[in-house]
N, C-alpha and C. Protein backbone atom coordinates (compact mmCIF):
# COMPACT_ATOMS: atom_id res chain seq x y z
N UNK A 1 133.41 128.02 194.08
CA UNK A 1 131.97 127.86 194.25
C UNK A 1 131.48 126.78 193.29
N UNK A 2 130.67 125.87 193.78
CA UNK A 2 130.21 124.73 192.99
C UNK A 2 128.87 124.98 192.31
N UNK A 3 128.26 126.10 192.51
CA UNK A 3 126.94 126.36 191.95
C UNK A 3 125.81 125.91 192.86
N UNK A 4 126.14 125.36 194.03
CA UNK A 4 125.11 124.95 194.98
C UNK A 4 124.58 126.17 195.72
N UNK A 5 123.35 126.05 196.21
CA UNK A 5 122.76 127.14 196.99
C UNK A 5 123.51 127.24 198.32
N UNK A 6 123.86 128.46 198.70
CA UNK A 6 124.51 128.69 199.99
C UNK A 6 123.45 129.11 200.99
N UNK A 7 123.49 128.54 202.14
CA UNK A 7 122.62 128.97 203.24
C UNK A 7 123.39 128.78 204.54
N UNK A 8 123.25 129.71 205.44
CA UNK A 8 123.98 129.66 206.70
C UNK A 8 123.14 128.93 207.75
N UNK A 9 123.54 127.73 208.09
CA UNK A 9 122.98 126.98 209.21
C UNK A 9 121.58 126.43 209.04
N UNK A 10 120.77 126.95 208.14
CA UNK A 10 119.37 126.52 208.05
C UNK A 10 119.24 125.05 207.69
N UNK A 11 118.13 124.48 208.12
CA UNK A 11 117.83 123.10 207.74
C UNK A 11 116.56 123.11 206.90
N UNK A 12 116.45 122.13 206.04
CA UNK A 12 115.27 122.00 205.21
C UNK A 12 114.17 121.22 205.92
N UNK A 13 112.95 121.33 205.38
CA UNK A 13 111.79 120.64 205.94
C UNK A 13 112.08 119.16 206.18
N UNK A 14 112.73 118.52 205.21
CA UNK A 14 113.01 117.09 205.32
C UNK A 14 113.99 116.76 206.45
N UNK A 15 114.76 117.74 206.88
CA UNK A 15 115.78 117.52 207.91
C UNK A 15 115.23 117.56 209.33
N UNK A 16 114.06 118.15 209.51
CA UNK A 16 113.44 118.22 210.84
C UNK A 16 112.54 117.01 211.05
N UNK A 17 112.58 116.47 212.25
CA UNK A 17 111.79 115.28 212.57
C UNK A 17 111.04 115.50 213.88
N UNK A 18 109.85 114.92 213.96
CA UNK A 18 109.08 114.97 215.20
C UNK A 18 109.97 114.41 216.32
N UNK A 19 110.04 115.15 217.42
CA UNK A 19 110.88 114.77 218.54
C UNK A 19 112.19 115.55 218.62
N UNK A 20 112.57 116.22 217.51
CA UNK A 20 113.78 117.05 217.55
C UNK A 20 113.59 118.18 218.55
N UNK A 21 114.66 118.54 219.24
CA UNK A 21 114.65 119.61 220.23
C UNK A 21 115.69 120.65 219.88
N UNK A 22 115.33 121.91 220.07
CA UNK A 22 116.23 123.03 219.84
C UNK A 22 116.36 123.83 221.14
N UNK A 23 117.53 124.36 221.39
CA UNK A 23 117.74 125.19 222.58
C UNK A 23 118.60 126.39 222.18
N UNK A 24 118.22 127.54 222.67
CA UNK A 24 118.94 128.78 222.35
C UNK A 24 119.91 129.14 223.46
N UNK A 25 120.81 130.06 223.16
CA UNK A 25 121.58 130.67 224.25
C UNK A 25 120.66 131.59 225.04
N UNK A 26 121.12 132.09 226.16
CA UNK A 26 120.34 133.01 226.98
C UNK A 26 120.50 134.44 226.52
N UNK A 27 119.57 135.27 226.97
CA UNK A 27 119.61 136.71 226.69
C UNK A 27 119.02 137.42 227.89
N UNK A 28 119.75 138.40 228.42
CA UNK A 28 119.28 139.15 229.58
C UNK A 28 118.39 140.30 229.13
N UNK A 29 117.23 140.39 229.74
CA UNK A 29 116.30 141.49 229.49
C UNK A 29 116.80 142.70 230.28
N UNK A 30 116.97 143.81 229.61
CA UNK A 30 117.54 145.00 230.24
C UNK A 30 116.49 146.09 230.44
N UNK A 31 116.87 147.05 231.26
CA UNK A 31 116.06 148.26 231.44
C UNK A 31 115.83 148.93 230.07
N UNK A 32 116.86 148.96 229.27
CA UNK A 32 116.76 149.57 227.93
C UNK A 32 115.72 148.84 227.09
N UNK A 33 115.65 147.51 227.20
CA UNK A 33 114.64 146.76 226.46
C UNK A 33 113.24 147.23 226.83
N UNK A 34 112.97 147.40 228.14
CA UNK A 34 111.65 147.85 228.57
C UNK A 34 111.32 149.23 228.01
N UNK A 35 112.26 150.15 228.13
CA UNK A 35 112.04 151.51 227.64
C UNK A 35 111.85 151.52 226.13
N UNK A 36 112.71 150.81 225.41
CA UNK A 36 112.60 150.78 223.95
C UNK A 36 111.31 150.13 223.49
N UNK A 37 110.85 149.08 224.18
CA UNK A 37 109.62 148.43 223.77
C UNK A 37 108.42 149.34 223.99
N UNK A 38 108.44 150.14 225.06
CA UNK A 38 107.38 151.13 225.25
C UNK A 38 107.30 152.04 224.03
N UNK A 39 108.45 152.55 223.60
CA UNK A 39 108.48 153.46 222.46
C UNK A 39 108.10 152.78 221.16
N UNK A 40 108.60 151.58 220.95
CA UNK A 40 108.32 150.85 219.72
C UNK A 40 106.83 150.49 219.61
N UNK A 41 106.26 150.00 220.70
CA UNK A 41 104.87 149.53 220.66
C UNK A 41 103.86 150.65 220.92
N UNK A 42 104.30 151.72 221.58
CA UNK A 42 103.37 152.77 221.99
C UNK A 42 102.61 152.41 223.25
N UNK A 43 102.98 151.29 223.88
CA UNK A 43 102.31 150.81 225.10
C UNK A 43 103.09 151.32 226.31
N UNK A 44 102.59 152.39 226.91
CA UNK A 44 103.22 152.97 228.09
C UNK A 44 102.44 152.64 229.36
N UNK A 45 101.79 151.48 229.38
CA UNK A 45 101.09 151.04 230.58
C UNK A 45 102.03 151.22 231.77
N UNK A 46 101.51 151.74 232.85
CA UNK A 46 102.36 152.07 234.00
C UNK A 46 103.02 150.85 234.64
N UNK A 47 102.48 149.66 234.42
CA UNK A 47 103.15 148.46 234.92
C UNK A 47 104.52 148.26 234.25
N UNK A 48 104.69 148.86 233.06
CA UNK A 48 105.93 148.74 232.30
C UNK A 48 106.79 150.00 232.36
N UNK A 49 106.16 151.14 232.60
CA UNK A 49 106.87 152.40 232.41
C UNK A 49 107.00 153.28 233.66
N UNK A 50 106.37 152.91 234.75
CA UNK A 50 106.36 153.77 235.93
C UNK A 50 106.77 152.95 237.16
N UNK A 51 108.00 153.12 237.58
CA UNK A 51 108.53 152.34 238.71
C UNK A 51 107.73 152.57 239.99
N UNK A 52 107.34 153.82 240.25
CA UNK A 52 106.60 154.14 241.47
C UNK A 52 105.23 153.45 241.47
N UNK A 53 104.52 153.56 240.36
CA UNK A 53 103.22 152.89 240.24
C UNK A 53 103.38 151.38 240.38
N UNK A 54 104.33 150.81 239.66
CA UNK A 54 104.53 149.35 239.66
C UNK A 54 104.95 148.84 241.04
N UNK A 55 105.63 149.68 241.82
CA UNK A 55 106.06 149.24 243.16
C UNK A 55 104.86 148.96 244.07
N UNK A 56 103.72 149.56 243.76
CA UNK A 56 102.50 149.34 244.55
C UNK A 56 101.58 148.29 243.92
N UNK A 57 101.97 147.74 242.78
CA UNK A 57 101.14 146.76 242.07
C UNK A 57 101.54 145.34 242.47
N UNK A 58 100.96 144.37 241.85
CA UNK A 58 101.09 142.95 242.22
C UNK A 58 102.51 142.44 242.37
N UNK A 59 103.41 142.83 241.47
CA UNK A 59 104.75 142.24 241.47
C UNK A 59 105.79 143.10 242.17
N UNK A 60 105.41 144.30 242.59
CA UNK A 60 106.30 145.15 243.38
C UNK A 60 107.35 145.90 242.58
N UNK A 61 107.38 145.69 241.28
CA UNK A 61 108.29 146.43 240.40
C UNK A 61 107.80 146.30 238.97
N UNK A 62 108.40 147.08 238.09
CA UNK A 62 107.97 147.04 236.69
C UNK A 62 108.22 145.67 236.07
N UNK A 63 107.33 145.29 235.16
CA UNK A 63 107.47 144.04 234.43
C UNK A 63 107.62 144.33 232.95
N UNK A 64 108.25 143.42 232.25
CA UNK A 64 108.37 143.52 230.80
C UNK A 64 107.00 143.27 230.17
N UNK A 65 106.76 143.91 229.04
CA UNK A 65 105.55 143.62 228.27
C UNK A 65 105.55 142.14 227.90
N UNK A 66 104.39 141.51 227.95
CA UNK A 66 104.30 140.13 227.50
C UNK A 66 104.77 139.97 226.06
N UNK A 67 104.41 140.95 225.21
CA UNK A 67 104.81 140.86 223.81
C UNK A 67 106.30 141.10 223.62
N UNK A 68 106.95 141.76 224.56
CA UNK A 68 108.41 141.85 224.52
C UNK A 68 109.00 140.45 224.70
N UNK A 69 108.46 139.70 225.65
CA UNK A 69 108.92 138.32 225.85
C UNK A 69 108.74 137.48 224.60
N UNK A 70 107.58 137.61 223.96
CA UNK A 70 107.32 136.86 222.73
C UNK A 70 108.28 137.29 221.62
N UNK A 71 108.54 138.57 221.51
CA UNK A 71 109.48 139.07 220.50
C UNK A 71 110.89 138.54 220.74
N UNK A 72 111.30 138.54 221.99
CA UNK A 72 112.62 138.00 222.34
C UNK A 72 112.67 136.51 222.03
N UNK A 73 111.58 135.78 222.31
CA UNK A 73 111.53 134.35 221.99
C UNK A 73 111.73 134.13 220.50
N UNK A 74 111.12 134.96 219.68
CA UNK A 74 111.30 134.85 218.23
C UNK A 74 112.75 135.08 217.84
N UNK A 75 113.36 136.08 218.44
CA UNK A 75 114.78 136.34 218.18
C UNK A 75 115.67 135.20 218.64
N UNK A 76 115.36 134.63 219.79
CA UNK A 76 116.15 133.50 220.28
C UNK A 76 116.00 132.29 219.35
N UNK A 77 114.81 132.09 218.79
CA UNK A 77 114.61 131.00 217.83
C UNK A 77 115.51 131.19 216.63
N UNK A 78 115.67 132.41 216.19
CA UNK A 78 116.55 132.65 215.03
C UNK A 78 118.01 132.40 215.40
N UNK A 79 118.38 132.61 216.66
CA UNK A 79 119.76 132.38 217.08
C UNK A 79 120.13 130.91 217.11
N UNK A 80 119.12 130.03 217.19
CA UNK A 80 119.40 128.60 217.13
C UNK A 80 120.04 128.27 215.78
N UNK A 81 119.64 128.99 214.74
CA UNK A 81 120.28 128.88 213.43
C UNK A 81 119.61 127.95 212.45
N UNK A 82 118.72 127.08 212.89
CA UNK A 82 118.18 126.10 211.96
C UNK A 82 117.20 126.71 210.96
N UNK A 83 116.70 127.90 211.23
CA UNK A 83 115.73 128.54 210.34
C UNK A 83 116.39 129.51 209.37
N UNK A 84 117.67 129.76 209.55
CA UNK A 84 118.39 130.73 208.74
C UNK A 84 118.41 130.30 207.27
N UNK A 85 117.76 131.07 206.43
CA UNK A 85 117.78 130.80 205.00
C UNK A 85 116.77 129.78 204.53
N UNK A 86 116.04 129.13 205.44
CA UNK A 86 115.05 128.13 205.02
C UNK A 86 113.64 128.43 205.52
N UNK A 87 113.49 129.26 206.52
CA UNK A 87 112.15 129.62 207.00
C UNK A 87 111.50 130.54 205.97
N UNK A 88 110.29 130.19 205.57
CA UNK A 88 109.56 130.98 204.58
C UNK A 88 108.55 131.91 205.24
N UNK A 89 107.90 131.44 206.30
CA UNK A 89 106.86 132.26 206.93
C UNK A 89 106.55 131.74 208.33
N UNK A 90 106.22 132.67 209.19
CA UNK A 90 105.66 132.36 210.51
C UNK A 90 104.15 132.36 210.28
N UNK A 91 103.52 131.21 210.40
CA UNK A 91 102.12 131.07 210.00
C UNK A 91 101.11 131.29 211.13
N UNK A 92 101.54 131.09 212.37
CA UNK A 92 100.60 131.30 213.46
C UNK A 92 101.16 130.82 214.78
N UNK A 93 100.44 131.14 215.85
CA UNK A 93 100.87 130.71 217.17
C UNK A 93 99.70 130.70 218.13
N UNK A 94 99.84 129.89 219.14
CA UNK A 94 98.96 129.87 220.31
C UNK A 94 99.91 130.10 221.48
N UNK A 95 99.69 131.16 222.27
CA UNK A 95 100.72 131.59 223.22
C UNK A 95 100.11 131.91 224.57
N UNK A 96 100.81 131.55 225.63
CA UNK A 96 100.37 131.83 226.99
C UNK A 96 101.47 132.55 227.77
N UNK A 97 101.06 133.52 228.55
CA UNK A 97 101.96 134.30 229.40
C UNK A 97 101.76 133.79 230.83
N UNK A 98 102.74 133.08 231.37
CA UNK A 98 102.57 132.36 232.62
C UNK A 98 103.11 133.11 233.84
N UNK A 99 104.24 133.77 233.69
CA UNK A 99 104.88 134.49 234.81
C UNK A 99 105.50 135.76 234.27
N UNK A 100 105.68 136.76 235.12
CA UNK A 100 106.28 138.01 234.66
C UNK A 100 107.76 137.85 234.33
N UNK A 101 108.22 138.73 233.46
CA UNK A 101 109.64 138.85 233.16
C UNK A 101 110.05 140.23 233.64
N UNK A 102 111.17 140.30 234.35
CA UNK A 102 111.67 141.55 234.90
C UNK A 102 112.98 141.93 234.23
N UNK A 103 113.30 143.22 234.25
CA UNK A 103 114.64 143.64 233.84
C UNK A 103 115.63 142.90 234.72
N UNK A 104 116.66 142.35 234.11
CA UNK A 104 117.65 141.57 234.83
C UNK A 104 117.46 140.07 234.69
N UNK A 105 116.27 139.63 234.27
CA UNK A 105 116.05 138.21 234.02
C UNK A 105 116.78 137.79 232.75
N UNK A 106 117.31 136.59 232.76
CA UNK A 106 117.94 136.01 231.57
C UNK A 106 117.04 134.89 231.08
N UNK A 107 116.59 135.02 229.85
CA UNK A 107 115.66 134.05 229.28
C UNK A 107 116.34 133.25 228.17
N UNK A 108 115.82 132.05 227.95
CA UNK A 108 116.30 131.20 226.86
C UNK A 108 115.11 130.44 226.32
N UNK A 109 115.29 129.89 225.13
CA UNK A 109 114.20 129.21 224.46
C UNK A 109 114.48 127.72 224.32
N UNK A 110 113.43 126.95 224.48
CA UNK A 110 113.48 125.51 224.19
C UNK A 110 112.30 125.23 223.28
N UNK A 111 112.55 124.45 222.22
CA UNK A 111 111.48 124.14 221.27
C UNK A 111 111.57 122.69 220.84
N UNK A 112 110.42 122.04 220.77
CA UNK A 112 110.33 120.64 220.36
C UNK A 112 109.44 120.54 219.14
N UNK A 113 109.91 119.84 218.11
CA UNK A 113 109.10 119.60 216.92
C UNK A 113 108.05 118.55 217.28
N UNK A 114 106.76 118.92 217.13
CA UNK A 114 105.69 118.01 217.52
C UNK A 114 104.87 117.49 216.35
N UNK A 115 104.97 118.14 215.21
CA UNK A 115 104.19 117.72 214.05
C UNK A 115 104.77 118.39 212.81
N UNK A 116 104.62 117.73 211.67
CA UNK A 116 105.01 118.35 210.41
C UNK A 116 104.12 117.82 209.30
N UNK A 117 103.90 118.65 208.29
CA UNK A 117 103.04 118.27 207.17
C UNK A 117 103.62 118.83 205.89
N UNK A 118 103.94 117.94 204.98
CA UNK A 118 104.51 118.35 203.70
C UNK A 118 103.44 119.04 202.85
N UNK A 119 103.85 120.08 202.13
CA UNK A 119 102.97 120.77 201.19
C UNK A 119 103.75 120.85 199.87
N UNK A 120 103.61 119.82 199.03
CA UNK A 120 104.42 119.74 197.81
C UNK A 120 104.31 120.96 196.90
N UNK A 121 103.12 121.57 196.77
CA UNK A 121 102.99 122.72 195.88
C UNK A 121 103.81 123.92 196.36
N UNK A 122 104.16 123.94 197.64
CA UNK A 122 104.99 125.02 198.18
C UNK A 122 106.45 124.60 198.30
N UNK A 123 106.77 123.38 197.86
CA UNK A 123 108.14 122.87 197.91
C UNK A 123 108.71 122.92 199.32
N UNK A 124 107.91 122.47 200.26
CA UNK A 124 108.32 122.44 201.66
C UNK A 124 107.17 121.96 202.50
N UNK A 125 107.02 122.54 203.67
CA UNK A 125 105.92 122.13 204.50
C UNK A 125 105.82 122.91 205.80
N UNK A 126 104.75 122.62 206.51
CA UNK A 126 104.51 123.23 207.81
C UNK A 126 105.07 122.35 208.89
N UNK A 127 105.64 122.97 209.89
CA UNK A 127 105.99 122.21 211.08
C UNK A 127 105.54 122.99 212.30
N UNK A 128 105.17 122.23 213.33
CA UNK A 128 104.66 122.80 214.57
C UNK A 128 105.68 122.51 215.66
N UNK A 129 106.01 123.56 216.41
CA UNK A 129 106.95 123.39 217.52
C UNK A 129 106.29 123.89 218.81
N UNK A 130 106.48 123.11 219.87
CA UNK A 130 106.09 123.56 221.20
C UNK A 130 107.27 124.33 221.76
N UNK A 131 107.02 125.57 222.13
CA UNK A 131 108.06 126.51 222.53
C UNK A 131 107.88 126.88 223.99
N UNK A 132 108.98 126.92 224.70
CA UNK A 132 108.99 127.42 226.08
C UNK A 132 110.04 128.51 226.18
N UNK A 133 109.68 129.61 226.83
CA UNK A 133 110.62 130.66 227.19
C UNK A 133 110.85 130.51 228.69
N UNK A 134 112.08 130.21 229.06
CA UNK A 134 112.43 129.94 230.46
C UNK A 134 113.32 131.04 231.00
N UNK A 135 113.18 131.33 232.28
CA UNK A 135 114.07 132.31 232.91
C UNK A 135 115.28 131.60 233.54
N UNK A 136 116.09 132.37 234.24
CA UNK A 136 117.33 131.85 234.83
C UNK A 136 117.08 130.83 235.94
N UNK A 137 115.86 130.75 236.44
CA UNK A 137 115.50 129.75 237.45
C UNK A 137 114.81 128.54 236.83
N UNK A 138 114.86 128.45 235.50
CA UNK A 138 114.22 127.37 234.73
C UNK A 138 112.69 127.36 234.88
N UNK A 139 112.12 128.50 235.23
CA UNK A 139 110.67 128.64 235.26
C UNK A 139 110.18 128.97 233.85
N UNK A 140 109.12 128.33 233.43
CA UNK A 140 108.51 128.65 232.13
C UNK A 140 107.73 129.94 232.31
N UNK A 141 108.18 131.01 231.67
CA UNK A 141 107.51 132.30 231.80
C UNK A 141 106.50 132.51 230.68
N UNK A 142 106.74 131.91 229.53
CA UNK A 142 105.80 131.95 228.41
C UNK A 142 105.93 130.64 227.66
N UNK A 143 104.84 130.23 227.01
CA UNK A 143 104.90 128.99 226.24
C UNK A 143 103.78 128.94 225.23
N UNK A 144 103.96 128.09 224.26
CA UNK A 144 102.90 127.90 223.27
C UNK A 144 103.37 127.06 222.11
N UNK A 145 102.56 127.07 221.07
CA UNK A 145 102.87 126.32 219.85
C UNK A 145 102.95 127.29 218.68
N UNK A 146 104.01 127.15 217.91
CA UNK A 146 104.22 127.96 216.71
C UNK A 146 104.09 127.07 215.48
N UNK A 147 103.57 127.66 214.42
CA UNK A 147 103.50 126.98 213.12
C UNK A 147 104.34 127.79 212.14
N UNK A 148 105.28 127.10 211.49
CA UNK A 148 106.17 127.75 210.54
C UNK A 148 106.18 127.00 209.22
N UNK A 149 106.40 127.75 208.15
CA UNK A 149 106.57 127.16 206.83
C UNK A 149 108.06 127.13 206.52
N UNK A 150 108.55 125.96 206.14
CA UNK A 150 109.97 125.75 205.89
C UNK A 150 110.19 125.25 204.47
N UNK A 151 111.23 125.74 203.83
CA UNK A 151 111.57 125.29 202.48
C UNK A 151 111.90 123.81 202.48
N UNK A 152 111.59 123.17 201.35
CA UNK A 152 112.04 121.79 201.15
C UNK A 152 113.41 121.80 200.49
N UNK A 153 114.06 120.66 200.52
CA UNK A 153 115.37 120.51 199.91
C UNK A 153 115.25 120.68 198.40
N UNK A 154 116.11 121.51 197.78
CA UNK A 154 116.04 121.70 196.34
C UNK A 154 116.38 120.41 195.59
N UNK A 155 115.74 120.22 194.44
CA UNK A 155 116.04 119.07 193.60
C UNK A 155 117.46 119.22 193.05
N UNK A 156 118.17 118.11 193.01
CA UNK A 156 119.56 118.17 192.51
C UNK A 156 119.65 117.70 191.09
């Protein structure tokens, strides 16, 4: 060991540039995800929890909670690896739910760095990414802009 800071995969604020693109692997939304999210959130809306009710509603079957999709998007962002050990805080988001997600859909994340601002007193800075959650048909099911605080490179 050389005494350097160890971090797995993360990149520092200085390493990200406007125009950089990140893509995650896919993840299939399961029946278990829907059931578990009902329990975790306490949201048992019948569109998510009652197959018979949902079969008579707009989409003809149960849909995943919109916030389940957003939660999965956050997890997929972490799987990209660039935030591992360098992300300090999720500062905010503007998010839109465009299409339903169903059990059996496989979603993946695409994110583009659109802006960054150094904050020297925090030894890093804010960066803004435009995020899309896409299904297996490449339809954008959710999208928005996230603001994150990222560590700066340590002084050597």
